[in-house]
Amino acid sequence: MSFVLRDYQQKASDAATTFFQDTKKKTNAIMVLPTGSGKSLIIPQIRS
């Protein structure tokens, strides 16, 4: 199945990818988005 993320979803995915690529950080991450914003679609797009 193929789909295109909306702008705000792509920004969230890009921010998470950038966070996880920084190997010097020793902190946890949390993604907070409103109900119905497509978190289930964003998570698989995060590339570490």
C-alpha atoms as a PDB file:
ATOM      1  CA  MET A   1       0.000   0.000   0.000  1.00  0.00           C
ATOM      2  CA  SER A   2       1.362   3.398  -0.941  1.00  0.00           C
ATOM      3  CA  PHE A   3       0.445   6.732   0.573  1.00  0.00           C
ATOM      4  CA  VAL A   4       1.792  10.271   0.816  1.00  0.00           C
ATOM      5  CA  LEU A   5       2.104  11.978   4.188  1.00  0.00           C
ATOM      6  CA  ARG A   6       0.526  15.371   4.685  1.00  0.00           C
ATOM      7  CA  ASP A   7       2.845  18.327   5.338  1.00  0.00           C
ATOM      8  CA  TYR A   8       2.514  18.244   9.143  1.00  0.00           C
ATOM      9  CA  GLN A   9       2.985  14.472   9.161  1.00  0.00           C
ATOM     10  CA  GLN A  10       6.153  14.729   7.065  1.00  0.00           C
ATOM     11  CA  LYS A  11       7.527  17.426   9.384  1.00  0.00           C
ATOM     12  CA  ALA A  12       6.920  15.190  12.413  1.00  0.00           C
ATOM     13  CA  SER A  13       8.595  12.250  10.680  1.00  0.00           C
ATOM     14  CA  ASP A  14      11.580  14.379   9.635  1.00  0.00           C
ATOM     15  CA  ALA A  15      11.990  15.766  13.167  1.00  0.00           C
ATOM     16  CA  ALA A  16      11.947  12.278  14.684  1.00  0.00           C
ATOM     17  CA  THR A  17      14.431  10.998  12.099  1.00  0.00           C
ATOM     18  CA  THR A  18      16.789  13.897  12.843  1.00  0.00           C
ATOM     19  CA  PHE A  19      16.481  13.265  16.581  1.00  0.00           C
ATOM     20  CA  PHE A  20      17.312   9.562  16.300  1.00  0.00           C
ATOM     21  CA  GLN A  21      20.225  10.135  13.918  1.00  0.00           C
ATOM     22  CA  ASP A  22      22.055  12.200  16.558  1.00  0.00           C
ATOM     23  CA  THR A  23      23.967   9.432  18.336  1.00  0.00           C
ATOM     24  CA  LYS A  24      25.378  11.828  20.954  1.00  0.00           C
ATOM     25  CA  LYS A  25      21.972  12.400  22.559  1.00  0.00           C
ATOM     26  CA  LYS A  26      21.264  10.271  25.604  1.00  0.00           C
ATOM     27  CA  THR A  27      17.609  11.237  26.006  1.00  0.00           C
ATOM     28  CA  ASN A  28      14.292   9.648  25.154  1.00  0.00           C
ATOM     29  CA  ALA A  29      11.803  10.989  22.643  1.00  0.00           C
ATOM     30  CA  ILE A  30       8.045  11.392  22.656  1.00  0.00           C
ATOM     31  CA  MET A  31       5.827  12.369  19.760  1.00  0.00           C
ATOM     32  CA  VAL A  32       2.685  14.253  20.741  1.00  0.00           C
ATOM     33  CA  LEU A  33       0.091  14.782  18.037  1.00  0.00           C
ATOM     34  CA  PRO A  34      -3.678  15.257  18.270  1.00  0.00           C
ATOM     35  CA  THR A  35      -6.205  12.485  17.847  1.00  0.00           C
ATOM     36  CA  GLY A  36      -6.706  11.641  14.182  1.00  0.00           C
ATOM     37  CA  SER A  37      -3.453  13.216  13.004  1.00  0.00           C
ATOM     38  CA  GLY A  38      -2.070   9.983  11.560  1.00  0.00           C
ATOM     39  CA  LYS A  39       0.479   8.871  14.156  1.00  0.00           C
ATOM     40  CA  SER A  40       0.121   5.288  12.932  1.00  0.00           C
ATOM     41  CA  LEU A  41       1.150   6.436   9.457  1.00  0.00           C
ATOM     42  CA  ILE A  42       4.034   8.586  10.690  1.00  0.00           C
ATOM     43  CA  ILE A  43       5.756   5.963  12.863  1.00  0.00           C
ATOM     44  CA  PRO A  44       6.676   3.542  10.034  1.00  0.00           C
ATOM     45  CA  GLN A  45       8.137   6.442   8.049  1.00  0.00           C
ATOM     46  CA  ILE A  46      10.733   7.267  10.713  1.00  0.00           C
ATOM     47  CA  ARG A  47      14.115   6.167   9.434  1.00  0.00           C
ATOM     48  CA  SER A  48      16.842   5.632  11.985  1.00  0.00           C
END
